[in-house]
C-alpha cells in the first residue's frame, strides 16, 4: 500500500493562527501545560498577547486547538468523501492509515507523552485531550458507521463501542512500540496492522452474503 499524503497539522489556518499554534505547541512541550504562559507563546509566535486572547480566549481553549489541529481535522475529513458513502472497507482502510500516520508523527507522540505526564497533576489536561481527541474521533466514526448500517453495508448493534474497539485495536501496540522504543515503525508493519484490523472488523460487521 502506498503511504498516505503528508499530514499538515496546521493546514487551513491563517498565517497568524499557524504561528500561534506552532509556537504554542513548542512552548507546551518544553514547559508543560501549567508552566506555559500566554506571554511566552506570544513572544514565540511574534504576536501580541491580546491577539492570542482575541483568537482563543484562554489557555485551555488554545491547548484544545493544539490537540485538535494535530490529531483530528485531516483524519475526520476521510469520512466525508463520496467514496466514504459507497465503499466502507476502502474508507476504513484509508481512515486507519491516516490515523496511524497522525499518531506516529514525532510531534503527536511528544504531545501524548506530555498529556500522560501532566494529567495526573492537572486533570484538565487529560480531559481536554480526551474530549477533542479520542472522544471526538470515535463519535464521528460511530456516526459514519450508523450511516453505513442504515444502508445495510454494516451490521452493528453498538456503533460507538465498535468505533472504540476499531481505533483501539488499530493504535494499541503500534503507539506503545513507538513511545517506549522511540523509533519509527516500518511502513510494512503499519500496512500489516491496517489490513488486519480492517479485515477483522469487516469479518465481524460486514455484509453477510
N, C-alpha and C. Protein backbone atom coordinates (compact mmCIF):
# COMPACT_ATOMS: atom_id res chain seq x y z
N UNK A 1 0.85 -1.20 0.00
CA UNK A 1 0.00 0.00 0.00
C UNK A 1 0.88 1.24 0.00
N UNK A 2 0.53 2.23 -0.80
CA UNK A 2 1.32 3.46 -0.81
C UNK A 2 1.03 4.28 0.41
N UNK A 3 2.02 5.06 0.79
CA UNK A 3 1.88 5.87 2.00
C UNK A 3 0.88 6.99 1.75
N UNK A 4 0.13 7.35 2.77
CA UNK A 4 -0.83 8.44 2.67
C UNK A 4 -0.10 9.76 2.46
N UNK A 5 -0.79 10.77 1.91
CA UNK A 5 -0.17 12.07 1.76
C UNK A 5 0.30 12.61 3.10
N UNK A 6 1.31 13.47 3.04
CA UNK A 6 1.86 14.05 4.28
C UNK A 6 0.77 14.79 5.04
N UNK A 7 0.80 14.64 6.35
CA UNK A 7 -0.18 15.30 7.20
C UNK A 7 0.35 16.67 7.61
N UNK A 8 -0.42 17.70 7.38
CA UNK A 8 -0.03 19.06 7.79
C UNK A 8 -0.96 19.49 8.91
N UNK A 9 -0.49 19.49 10.18
CA UNK A 9 -1.38 19.77 11.30
C UNK A 9 -2.05 21.12 11.25
N UNK A 10 -1.41 22.12 10.60
CA UNK A 10 -1.97 23.47 10.63
C UNK A 10 -2.55 23.88 9.28
N UNK A 11 -2.87 22.92 8.42
CA UNK A 11 -3.49 23.24 7.14
C UNK A 11 -4.81 23.95 7.35
N UNK A 12 -5.08 24.96 6.52
CA UNK A 12 -6.35 25.67 6.60
C UNK A 12 -6.36 26.85 7.56
N UNK A 13 -5.25 27.09 8.26
CA UNK A 13 -5.18 28.21 9.18
C UNK A 13 -4.58 29.43 8.48
N UNK A 14 -4.88 30.62 9.01
CA UNK A 14 -4.21 31.82 8.54
C UNK A 14 -2.76 31.79 9.01
N UNK A 15 -1.92 32.65 8.43
CA UNK A 15 -0.52 32.69 8.83
C UNK A 15 -0.38 33.00 10.32
N UNK A 16 -1.22 33.91 10.81
CA UNK A 16 -1.14 34.28 12.23
C UNK A 16 -1.58 33.13 13.12
N UNK A 17 -2.66 32.46 12.75
CA UNK A 17 -3.11 31.30 13.53
C UNK A 17 -2.08 30.19 13.51
N UNK A 18 -1.47 29.97 12.35
CA UNK A 18 -0.45 28.92 12.24
C UNK A 18 0.73 29.24 13.14
N UNK A 19 1.15 30.50 13.15
CA UNK A 19 2.28 30.90 14.01
C UNK A 19 1.94 30.68 15.48
N UNK A 20 0.72 30.98 15.88
CA UNK A 20 0.31 30.81 17.27
C UNK A 20 0.28 29.33 17.64
N UNK A 21 -0.34 28.49 16.80
CA UNK A 21 -0.44 27.06 17.09
C UNK A 21 0.95 26.42 17.15
N UNK A 22 1.80 26.75 16.20
CA UNK A 22 3.15 26.17 16.20
C UNK A 22 3.96 26.63 17.40
N UNK A 23 3.83 27.91 17.75
CA UNK A 23 4.54 28.42 18.93
C UNK A 23 4.00 27.79 20.20
N UNK A 24 2.67 27.68 20.30
CA UNK A 24 2.06 27.08 21.49
C UNK A 24 2.50 25.64 21.65
N UNK A 25 2.56 24.90 20.53
CA UNK A 25 3.00 23.51 20.59
C UNK A 25 4.40 23.41 21.16
N UNK A 26 5.31 24.25 20.65
CA UNK A 26 6.70 24.21 21.14
C UNK A 26 6.78 24.55 22.61
N UNK A 27 6.05 25.58 23.04
CA UNK A 27 6.13 26.00 24.45
C UNK A 27 5.48 24.97 25.37
N UNK A 28 4.32 24.44 25.00
CA UNK A 28 3.68 23.41 25.82
C UNK A 28 4.61 22.21 26.00
N UNK A 29 5.26 21.77 24.93
CA UNK A 29 6.14 20.61 25.02
C UNK A 29 7.38 20.90 25.85
N UNK A 30 7.88 22.12 25.78
CA UNK A 30 9.10 22.47 26.51
C UNK A 30 8.83 22.73 27.99
N UNK A 31 7.72 23.41 28.29
CA UNK A 31 7.48 23.87 29.67
C UNK A 31 6.39 23.09 30.39
N UNK A 32 5.56 22.33 29.66
CA UNK A 32 4.42 21.69 30.28
C UNK A 32 3.22 22.62 30.27
N UNK A 33 2.05 22.05 30.52
CA UNK A 33 0.82 22.84 30.42
C UNK A 33 0.76 23.93 31.48
N UNK A 34 0.97 23.58 32.75
CA UNK A 34 0.80 24.53 33.84
C UNK A 34 1.78 25.68 33.75
N UNK A 35 3.02 25.40 33.37
CA UNK A 35 4.05 26.44 33.37
C UNK A 35 4.06 27.28 32.09
N UNK A 36 3.30 26.90 31.12
CA UNK A 36 3.23 27.68 29.88
C UNK A 36 2.40 28.93 30.11
N UNK A 37 2.94 30.07 29.68
CA UNK A 37 2.22 31.34 29.82
C UNK A 37 1.84 31.87 28.44
N UNK A 38 0.78 32.63 28.41
CA UNK A 38 0.37 33.27 27.16
C UNK A 38 1.42 34.28 26.71
N UNK A 39 2.11 34.89 27.66
CA UNK A 39 3.19 35.82 27.30
C UNK A 39 4.28 35.10 26.52
N UNK A 40 4.67 33.91 26.99
CA UNK A 40 5.72 33.15 26.32
C UNK A 40 5.29 32.74 24.92
N UNK A 41 4.04 32.33 24.79
CA UNK A 41 3.54 31.94 23.47
C UNK A 41 3.52 33.14 22.53
N UNK A 42 3.09 34.29 23.05
CA UNK A 42 3.05 35.50 22.23
C UNK A 42 4.44 35.88 21.73
N UNK A 43 5.43 35.80 22.61
CA UNK A 43 6.80 36.12 22.20
C UNK A 43 7.29 35.14 21.15
N UNK A 44 7.03 33.86 21.37
CA UNK A 44 7.48 32.82 20.44
C UNK A 44 6.80 32.97 19.08
N UNK A 45 5.53 33.36 19.08
CA UNK A 45 4.77 33.49 17.84
C UNK A 45 4.98 34.82 17.14
N UNK A 46 5.55 35.80 17.86
CA UNK A 46 5.75 37.12 17.29
C UNK A 46 4.46 37.90 17.14
N UNK A 47 3.52 37.68 18.07
CA UNK A 47 2.26 38.42 18.07
C UNK A 47 2.03 38.98 19.47
N UNK A 48 1.02 39.82 19.59
CA UNK A 48 0.70 40.35 20.91
C UNK A 48 -0.12 39.33 21.70
N UNK A 49 -0.03 39.44 23.03
CA UNK A 49 -0.83 38.56 23.87
C UNK A 49 -2.32 38.79 23.62
N UNK A 50 -2.70 40.03 23.37
CA UNK A 50 -4.11 40.33 23.11
C UNK A 50 -4.59 39.62 21.85
N UNK A 51 -3.72 39.49 20.86
CA UNK A 51 -4.10 38.77 19.63
C UNK A 51 -4.46 37.32 19.96
N UNK A 52 -3.68 36.69 20.83
CA UNK A 52 -3.97 35.31 21.20
C UNK A 52 -5.29 35.23 21.95
N UNK A 53 -5.51 36.18 22.87
CA UNK A 53 -6.77 36.16 23.61
C UNK A 53 -7.96 36.41 22.67
N UNK A 54 -7.75 37.27 21.68
CA UNK A 54 -8.83 37.54 20.72
C UNK A 54 -9.16 36.28 19.91
N UNK A 55 -8.15 35.48 19.60
CA UNK A 55 -8.34 34.28 18.79
C UNK A 55 -8.90 33.12 19.60
N UNK A 56 -8.42 32.97 20.86
CA UNK A 56 -8.71 31.74 21.60
C UNK A 56 -9.39 31.94 22.96
N UNK A 57 -9.30 33.13 23.52
CA UNK A 57 -9.99 33.39 24.78
C UNK A 57 -9.17 33.07 26.01
N UNK A 58 -8.61 31.85 26.09
CA UNK A 58 -7.81 31.46 27.25
C UNK A 58 -6.87 30.31 26.89
N UNK A 59 -6.02 29.95 27.84
CA UNK A 59 -5.01 28.92 27.57
C UNK A 59 -5.65 27.56 27.32
N UNK A 60 -6.73 27.25 28.03
CA UNK A 60 -7.40 25.96 27.85
C UNK A 60 -7.90 25.82 26.43
N UNK A 61 -8.52 26.87 25.89
CA UNK A 61 -9.03 26.82 24.52
C UNK A 61 -7.89 26.71 23.52
N UNK A 62 -6.78 27.37 23.78
CA UNK A 62 -5.63 27.28 22.89
C UNK A 62 -5.05 25.87 22.91
N UNK A 63 -4.92 25.29 24.10
CA UNK A 63 -4.40 23.92 24.20
C UNK A 63 -5.34 22.95 23.48
N UNK A 64 -6.63 23.17 23.63
CA UNK A 64 -7.61 22.33 22.95
C UNK A 64 -7.42 22.41 21.44
N UNK A 65 -7.15 23.60 20.92
CA UNK A 65 -6.97 23.74 19.47
C UNK A 65 -5.66 23.12 19.02
N UNK A 66 -4.62 23.17 19.85
CA UNK A 66 -3.38 22.49 19.53
C UNK A 66 -3.64 21.00 19.33
N UNK A 67 -4.37 20.39 20.25
CA UNK A 67 -4.69 18.96 20.15
C UNK A 67 -5.53 18.69 18.90
N UNK A 68 -6.54 19.52 18.67
CA UNK A 68 -7.42 19.33 17.52
C UNK A 68 -6.65 19.40 16.22
N UNK A 69 -5.80 20.42 16.09
CA UNK A 69 -5.06 20.60 14.85
C UNK A 69 -4.12 19.44 14.58
N UNK A 70 -3.53 18.89 15.62
CA UNK A 70 -2.57 17.82 15.44
C UNK A 70 -3.23 16.46 15.25
N UNK A 71 -4.43 16.29 15.74
CA UNK A 71 -4.97 14.94 15.84
C UNK A 71 -6.19 14.61 15.00
N UNK A 72 -6.99 15.60 14.59
CA UNK A 72 -8.31 15.19 14.12
C UNK A 72 -8.75 15.69 12.77
N UNK A 73 -8.50 16.94 12.41
CA UNK A 73 -9.22 17.52 11.29
C UNK A 73 -8.96 16.79 9.96
N UNK A 74 -7.71 16.49 9.67
CA UNK A 74 -7.40 15.76 8.44
C UNK A 74 -8.02 14.37 8.48
N UNK A 75 -7.94 13.74 9.64
CA UNK A 75 -8.47 12.38 9.79
C UNK A 75 -9.96 12.33 9.52
N UNK A 76 -10.73 13.20 10.15
CA UNK A 76 -12.19 13.12 10.07
C UNK A 76 -12.71 13.45 8.68
N UNK A 77 -11.92 14.21 7.89
CA UNK A 77 -12.35 14.51 6.53
C UNK A 77 -12.42 13.24 5.69
N UNK A 78 -11.72 12.19 6.08
CA UNK A 78 -11.75 10.92 5.33
C UNK A 78 -13.13 10.27 5.36
N UNK A 79 -13.96 10.67 6.32
CA UNK A 79 -15.30 10.08 6.45
C UNK A 79 -16.36 10.86 5.68
N UNK A 80 -15.94 11.90 4.96
CA UNK A 80 -16.91 12.79 4.33
C UNK A 80 -16.79 12.83 2.81
N UNK A 81 -16.03 11.91 2.23
CA UNK A 81 -15.85 11.89 0.79
C UNK A 81 -16.97 11.08 0.11
N UNK A 82 -17.05 11.19 -1.21
CA UNK A 82 -18.01 10.40 -1.96
C UNK A 82 -17.69 8.91 -1.83
N UNK A 83 -16.41 8.57 -1.83
CA UNK A 83 -16.02 7.17 -1.64
C UNK A 83 -16.53 6.64 -0.31
N UNK A 84 -16.50 7.48 0.73
CA UNK A 84 -16.91 7.03 2.05
C UNK A 84 -18.35 6.54 2.07
N UNK A 85 -19.18 7.12 1.24
CA UNK A 85 -20.60 6.73 1.22
C UNK A 85 -20.78 5.34 0.61
N UNK A 86 -19.96 5.01 -0.37
CA UNK A 86 -20.22 3.81 -1.16
C UNK A 86 -19.28 2.64 -0.88
N UNK A 87 -18.11 2.90 -0.33
CA UNK A 87 -17.12 1.83 -0.15
C UNK A 87 -16.59 1.87 1.27
N UNK A 88 -17.29 1.20 2.18
CA UNK A 88 -16.95 1.28 3.59
C UNK A 88 -15.59 0.66 3.87
N UNK A 89 -15.26 -0.45 3.22
CA UNK A 89 -13.99 -1.11 3.51
C UNK A 89 -12.81 -0.24 3.10
N UNK A 90 -12.87 0.35 1.90
CA UNK A 90 -11.80 1.23 1.45
C UNK A 90 -11.70 2.46 2.34
N UNK A 91 -12.85 2.96 2.78
CA UNK A 91 -12.86 4.14 3.65
C UNK A 91 -12.23 3.83 5.00
N UNK A 92 -12.58 2.70 5.58
CA UNK A 92 -11.99 2.33 6.86
C UNK A 92 -10.49 2.10 6.72
N UNK A 93 -10.07 1.56 5.59
CA UNK A 93 -8.64 1.35 5.36
C UNK A 93 -7.91 2.70 5.30
N UNK A 94 -8.49 3.65 4.57
CA UNK A 94 -7.86 4.97 4.45
C UNK A 94 -7.90 5.70 5.79
N UNK A 95 -9.02 5.60 6.49
CA UNK A 95 -9.13 6.20 7.83
C UNK A 95 -8.07 5.63 8.75
N UNK A 96 -7.91 4.30 8.73
CA UNK A 96 -6.96 3.64 9.62
C UNK A 96 -5.54 4.07 9.31
N UNK A 97 -5.19 4.11 8.04
CA UNK A 97 -3.83 4.51 7.68
C UNK A 97 -3.56 5.96 8.05
N UNK A 98 -4.54 6.83 7.81
CA UNK A 98 -4.38 8.23 8.16
C UNK A 98 -4.23 8.40 9.67
N UNK A 99 -5.03 7.67 10.44
CA UNK A 99 -4.94 7.74 11.90
C UNK A 99 -3.54 7.36 12.37
N UNK A 100 -3.00 6.27 11.85
CA UNK A 100 -1.66 5.85 12.26
C UNK A 100 -0.61 6.85 11.79
N UNK A 101 -0.77 7.39 10.58
CA UNK A 101 0.17 8.42 10.12
C UNK A 101 0.19 9.61 11.07
N UNK A 102 -0.98 9.97 11.60
CA UNK A 102 -1.07 11.12 12.51
C UNK A 102 -0.45 10.79 13.86
N UNK A 103 -0.89 9.70 14.49
CA UNK A 103 -0.45 9.46 15.86
C UNK A 103 1.02 9.06 15.96
N UNK A 104 1.62 8.64 14.84
CA UNK A 104 3.02 8.25 14.87
C UNK A 104 3.96 9.39 14.48
N UNK A 105 3.40 10.57 14.19
CA UNK A 105 4.25 11.73 13.96
C UNK A 105 5.00 12.07 15.25
N UNK A 106 6.27 12.44 15.16
CA UNK A 106 7.03 12.79 16.37
C UNK A 106 6.35 13.86 17.22
N UNK A 107 5.75 14.88 16.59
CA UNK A 107 5.12 15.95 17.37
C UNK A 107 3.90 15.43 18.13
N UNK A 108 3.15 14.49 17.54
CA UNK A 108 1.97 13.95 18.21
C UNK A 108 2.38 12.99 19.32
N UNK A 109 3.40 12.19 19.08
CA UNK A 109 3.93 11.34 20.14
C UNK A 109 4.42 12.17 21.32
N UNK A 110 5.08 13.29 21.01
CA UNK A 110 5.55 14.18 22.08
C UNK A 110 4.38 14.77 22.86
N UNK A 111 3.32 15.15 22.15
CA UNK A 111 2.12 15.65 22.83
C UNK A 111 1.51 14.57 23.72
N UNK A 112 1.48 13.34 23.23
CA UNK A 112 0.93 12.24 24.02
C UNK A 112 1.74 12.05 25.30
N UNK A 113 3.05 12.11 25.20
CA UNK A 113 3.90 12.00 26.40
C UNK A 113 3.59 13.13 27.38
N UNK A 114 3.43 14.34 26.85
CA UNK A 114 3.11 15.48 27.71
C UNK A 114 1.79 15.26 28.43
N UNK A 115 0.78 14.81 27.72
CA UNK A 115 -0.55 14.61 28.31
C UNK A 115 -0.49 13.57 29.41
N UNK A 116 0.20 12.45 29.17
CA UNK A 116 0.32 11.41 30.19
C UNK A 116 1.05 11.94 31.41
N UNK A 117 2.12 12.69 31.19
CA UNK A 117 2.92 13.21 32.30
C UNK A 117 2.16 14.24 33.12
N UNK A 118 1.35 15.07 32.45
CA UNK A 118 0.71 16.19 33.13
C UNK A 118 -0.65 15.84 33.73
N UNK A 119 -1.34 14.86 33.17
CA UNK A 119 -2.75 14.66 33.53
C UNK A 119 -2.94 14.18 34.97
N UNK A 120 -1.94 13.53 35.56
CA UNK A 120 -2.09 13.10 36.96
C UNK A 120 -2.15 14.31 37.89
N UNK A 121 -1.34 15.33 37.60
CA UNK A 121 -1.33 16.54 38.45
C UNK A 121 -2.39 17.54 38.02
N UNK A 122 -2.65 17.58 36.72
CA UNK A 122 -3.59 18.57 36.19
C UNK A 122 -4.64 17.84 35.35
N UNK A 123 -5.71 17.35 35.99
CA UNK A 123 -6.71 16.53 35.27
C UNK A 123 -7.32 17.22 34.07
N UNK A 124 -7.33 18.56 34.06
CA UNK A 124 -7.94 19.26 32.93
C UNK A 124 -7.18 18.97 31.63
N UNK A 125 -5.89 18.68 31.74
CA UNK A 125 -5.10 18.37 30.54
C UNK A 125 -5.62 17.09 29.90
N UNK A 126 -5.79 16.04 30.71
CA UNK A 126 -6.33 14.79 30.20
C UNK A 126 -7.75 14.94 29.69
N UNK A 127 -8.55 15.75 30.38
CA UNK A 127 -9.94 15.94 29.98
C UNK A 127 -10.03 16.63 28.62
N UNK A 128 -9.18 17.65 28.41
CA UNK A 128 -9.17 18.35 27.12
C UNK A 128 -8.77 17.39 26.01
N UNK A 129 -7.69 16.66 26.24
CA UNK A 129 -7.21 15.72 25.23
C UNK A 129 -8.27 14.68 24.89
N UNK A 130 -8.88 14.09 25.92
CA UNK A 130 -9.86 13.03 25.66
C UNK A 130 -11.07 13.58 24.91
N UNK A 131 -11.51 14.78 25.28
CA UNK A 131 -12.71 15.35 24.67
C UNK A 131 -12.50 15.70 23.20
N UNK A 132 -11.38 16.34 22.88
CA UNK A 132 -11.19 16.79 21.50
C UNK A 132 -10.38 15.81 20.67
N UNK A 133 -9.82 14.77 21.32
CA UNK A 133 -9.05 13.76 20.61
C UNK A 133 -9.84 12.48 20.45
N UNK A 134 -9.59 11.45 21.29
CA UNK A 134 -10.25 10.16 21.13
C UNK A 134 -11.78 10.22 21.13
N UNK A 135 -12.36 10.98 22.05
CA UNK A 135 -13.82 11.02 22.14
C UNK A 135 -14.44 11.59 20.87
N UNK A 136 -13.91 12.71 20.42
CA UNK A 136 -14.44 13.34 19.22
C UNK A 136 -14.27 12.43 18.00
N UNK A 137 -13.09 11.84 17.88
CA UNK A 137 -12.85 10.96 16.75
C UNK A 137 -13.75 9.74 16.75
N UNK A 138 -13.90 9.12 17.91
CA UNK A 138 -14.74 7.92 17.98
C UNK A 138 -16.22 8.24 17.76
N UNK A 139 -16.68 9.39 18.23
CA UNK A 139 -18.07 9.78 17.98
C UNK A 139 -18.33 9.99 16.49
N UNK A 140 -17.37 10.64 15.82
CA UNK A 140 -17.55 10.87 14.39
C UNK A 140 -17.49 9.56 13.61
N UNK A 141 -16.59 8.66 14.02
CA UNK A 141 -16.53 7.36 13.36
C UNK A 141 -17.82 6.58 13.60
N UNK A 142 -18.35 6.65 14.82
CA UNK A 142 -19.62 5.97 15.11
C UNK A 142 -20.76 6.54 14.26
N UNK A 143 -20.77 7.85 14.04
CA UNK A 143 -21.79 8.45 13.18
C UNK A 143 -21.69 7.88 11.76
N UNK A 144 -20.47 7.74 11.29
CA UNK A 144 -20.26 7.16 9.95
C UNK A 144 -20.75 5.71 9.91
N UNK A 145 -20.43 4.95 10.95
CA UNK A 145 -20.87 3.55 11.00
C UNK A 145 -22.40 3.47 11.05
N UNK A 146 -23.03 4.39 11.76
CA UNK A 146 -24.50 4.43 11.78
C UNK A 146 -25.07 4.57 10.37
N UNK A 147 -24.48 5.47 9.59
CA UNK A 147 -24.96 5.69 8.22
C UNK A 147 -24.77 4.44 7.37
N UNK A 148 -23.65 3.77 7.57
CA UNK A 148 -23.40 2.55 6.81
C UNK A 148 -24.35 1.43 7.21
N UNK A 149 -24.70 1.38 8.48
CA UNK A 149 -25.69 0.40 8.93
C UNK A 149 -27.06 0.69 8.32
N UNK A 150 -27.41 1.96 8.22
CA UNK A 150 -28.70 2.34 7.65
C UNK A 150 -28.80 1.92 6.18
N UNK A 151 -27.65 1.84 5.50
CA UNK A 151 -27.64 1.42 4.09
C UNK A 151 -27.38 -0.08 3.94
N UNK A 152 -27.37 -0.78 5.10
CA UNK A 152 -27.16 -2.24 5.11
C UNK A 152 -25.79 -2.65 4.59
N UNK A 153 -24.82 -1.75 4.74
CA UNK A 153 -23.44 -2.10 4.39
C UNK A 153 -22.73 -2.74 5.59
N UNK A 154 -23.22 -2.42 6.78
CA UNK A 154 -22.66 -2.97 8.01
C UNK A 154 -23.80 -3.39 8.93
N UNK A 155 -23.48 -4.27 9.88
CA UNK A 155 -24.46 -4.72 10.86
C UNK A 155 -23.82 -4.64 12.24
N UNK A 156 -24.20 -3.60 12.99
CA UNK A 156 -23.56 -3.31 14.29
C UNK A 156 -24.64 -2.91 15.29
N UNK A 157 -24.63 -3.53 16.45
CA UNK A 157 -25.59 -3.18 17.50
C UNK A 157 -25.20 -1.89 18.22
N UNK A 158 -23.92 -1.71 18.50
CA UNK A 158 -23.45 -0.55 19.25
C UNK A 158 -22.30 0.08 18.47
N UNK A 159 -22.60 1.10 17.67
CA UNK A 159 -21.58 1.65 16.78
C UNK A 159 -20.50 2.41 17.54
N UNK A 160 -20.85 3.03 18.67
CA UNK A 160 -19.82 3.74 19.44
C UNK A 160 -18.81 2.75 20.02
N UNK A 161 -19.30 1.64 20.54
CA UNK A 161 -18.40 0.61 21.06
C UNK A 161 -17.55 0.04 19.92
N UNK A 162 -18.17 -0.19 18.78
CA UNK A 162 -17.44 -0.72 17.63
C UNK A 162 -16.35 0.25 17.18
N UNK A 163 -16.66 1.55 17.19
CA UNK A 163 -15.67 2.56 16.81
C UNK A 163 -14.49 2.55 17.77
N UNK A 164 -14.78 2.48 19.07
CA UNK A 164 -13.71 2.46 20.07
C UNK A 164 -12.85 1.21 19.93
N UNK A 165 -13.48 0.08 19.66
CA UNK A 165 -12.71 -1.15 19.51
C UNK A 165 -11.86 -1.12 18.25
N UNK A 166 -12.40 -0.52 17.18
CA UNK A 166 -11.64 -0.41 15.94
C UNK A 166 -10.39 0.44 16.14
N UNK A 167 -10.55 1.63 16.71
CA UNK A 167 -9.39 2.50 16.89
C UNK A 167 -8.44 1.95 17.94
N UNK A 168 -8.98 1.31 18.97
CA UNK A 168 -8.13 0.72 19.99
C UNK A 168 -7.27 -0.40 19.45
N UNK A 169 -7.88 -1.29 18.65
CA UNK A 169 -7.13 -2.39 18.05
C UNK A 169 -6.08 -1.86 17.09
N UNK A 170 -6.41 -0.80 16.40
CA UNK A 170 -5.50 -0.22 15.42
C UNK A 170 -4.29 0.43 16.08
N UNK A 171 -4.56 1.24 17.12
CA UNK A 171 -3.50 2.02 17.73
C UNK A 171 -2.65 1.20 18.69
N UNK A 172 -3.34 0.51 19.62
CA UNK A 172 -2.75 -0.33 20.64
C UNK A 172 -1.25 -0.45 20.69
N UNK A 173 -0.74 -1.59 20.23
CA UNK A 173 0.67 -1.90 20.37
C UNK A 173 1.55 -1.03 19.49
N UNK A 174 1.01 -0.49 18.40
CA UNK A 174 1.83 0.31 17.49
C UNK A 174 2.31 1.59 18.18
N UNK A 175 1.38 2.31 18.82
CA UNK A 175 1.80 3.53 19.51
C UNK A 175 2.67 3.19 20.71
N UNK A 176 2.35 2.14 21.44
CA UNK A 176 3.19 1.75 22.57
C UNK A 176 4.61 1.46 22.10
N UNK A 177 4.73 0.75 21.00
CA UNK A 177 6.05 0.44 20.45
C UNK A 177 6.82 1.71 20.10
N UNK A 178 6.13 2.65 19.45
CA UNK A 178 6.78 3.90 19.07
C UNK A 178 7.17 4.73 20.29
N UNK A 179 6.33 4.72 21.31
CA UNK A 179 6.60 5.52 22.51
C UNK A 179 7.75 4.96 23.33
N UNK A 180 7.73 3.66 23.59
CA UNK A 180 8.71 3.10 24.53
C UNK A 180 10.04 2.79 23.86
N UNK A 181 10.01 2.47 22.56
CA UNK A 181 11.27 2.19 21.86
C UNK A 181 11.84 3.42 21.18
N UNK A 182 11.00 4.46 21.05
CA UNK A 182 11.43 5.73 20.47
C UNK A 182 12.07 5.54 19.10
N UNK A 183 11.39 4.76 18.27
CA UNK A 183 11.89 4.53 16.92
C UNK A 183 10.71 4.43 15.96
N UNK A 184 11.00 4.72 14.69
CA UNK A 184 9.96 4.69 13.67
C UNK A 184 9.47 3.27 13.43
N UNK A 185 8.18 3.13 13.16
CA UNK A 185 7.59 1.84 12.84
C UNK A 185 7.74 1.62 11.33
N UNK A 186 8.25 0.48 10.89
CA UNK A 186 8.41 0.23 9.45
C UNK A 186 7.07 0.33 8.71
N UNK A 187 7.12 0.86 7.49
CA UNK A 187 5.92 1.01 6.68
C UNK A 187 5.20 -0.33 6.49
N UNK A 188 5.96 -1.39 6.26
CA UNK A 188 5.34 -2.70 6.04
C UNK A 188 4.56 -3.15 7.26
N UNK A 189 5.06 -2.84 8.45
CA UNK A 189 4.36 -3.21 9.67
C UNK A 189 3.07 -2.40 9.83
N UNK A 190 3.13 -1.12 9.51
CA UNK A 190 1.92 -0.28 9.57
C UNK A 190 0.87 -0.80 8.61
N UNK A 191 1.28 -1.10 7.38
CA UNK A 191 0.35 -1.64 6.40
C UNK A 191 -0.29 -2.93 6.90
N UNK A 192 0.52 -3.79 7.51
CA UNK A 192 0.01 -5.08 8.00
C UNK A 192 -1.02 -4.88 9.10
N UNK A 193 -0.76 -3.95 10.01
CA UNK A 193 -1.70 -3.66 11.10
C UNK A 193 -3.01 -3.13 10.53
N UNK A 194 -2.92 -2.22 9.58
CA UNK A 194 -4.12 -1.65 8.96
C UNK A 194 -4.95 -2.74 8.29
N UNK A 195 -4.31 -3.54 7.47
CA UNK A 195 -5.04 -4.58 6.74
C UNK A 195 -5.70 -5.58 7.68
N UNK A 196 -4.97 -6.00 8.72
CA UNK A 196 -5.51 -6.98 9.65
C UNK A 196 -6.68 -6.40 10.44
N UNK A 197 -6.55 -5.15 10.90
CA UNK A 197 -7.61 -4.53 11.69
C UNK A 197 -8.88 -4.36 10.87
N UNK A 198 -8.74 -3.88 9.64
CA UNK A 198 -9.90 -3.68 8.78
C UNK A 198 -10.53 -5.02 8.42
N UNK A 199 -9.71 -6.02 8.11
CA UNK A 199 -10.25 -7.34 7.75
C UNK A 199 -11.03 -7.95 8.90
N UNK A 200 -10.52 -7.84 10.12
CA UNK A 200 -11.23 -8.37 11.29
C UNK A 200 -12.55 -7.64 11.51
N UNK A 201 -12.54 -6.32 11.36
CA UNK A 201 -13.75 -5.52 11.54
C UNK A 201 -14.80 -5.90 10.52
N UNK A 202 -14.40 -6.03 9.28
CA UNK A 202 -15.36 -6.35 8.22
C UNK A 202 -15.87 -7.80 8.36
N UNK A 203 -15.01 -8.68 8.82
CA UNK A 203 -15.46 -10.06 9.03
C UNK A 203 -16.54 -10.13 10.09
N UNK A 204 -16.44 -9.27 11.10
CA UNK A 204 -17.40 -9.27 12.19
C UNK A 204 -18.67 -8.49 11.84
N UNK A 205 -18.50 -7.34 11.16
CA UNK A 205 -19.64 -6.42 10.98
C UNK A 205 -20.08 -6.24 9.54
N UNK A 206 -19.36 -6.81 8.59
CA UNK A 206 -19.66 -6.56 7.18
C UNK A 206 -20.91 -7.27 6.70
N UNK A 207 -21.28 -6.93 5.48
CA UNK A 207 -22.47 -7.52 4.88
C UNK A 207 -22.32 -9.03 4.78
N UNK A 208 -23.34 -9.72 5.20
CA UNK A 208 -23.33 -11.18 5.14
C UNK A 208 -23.96 -11.65 3.84
N UNK A 209 -23.20 -12.37 3.04
CA UNK A 209 -23.71 -12.86 1.74
C UNK A 209 -24.58 -14.10 1.95
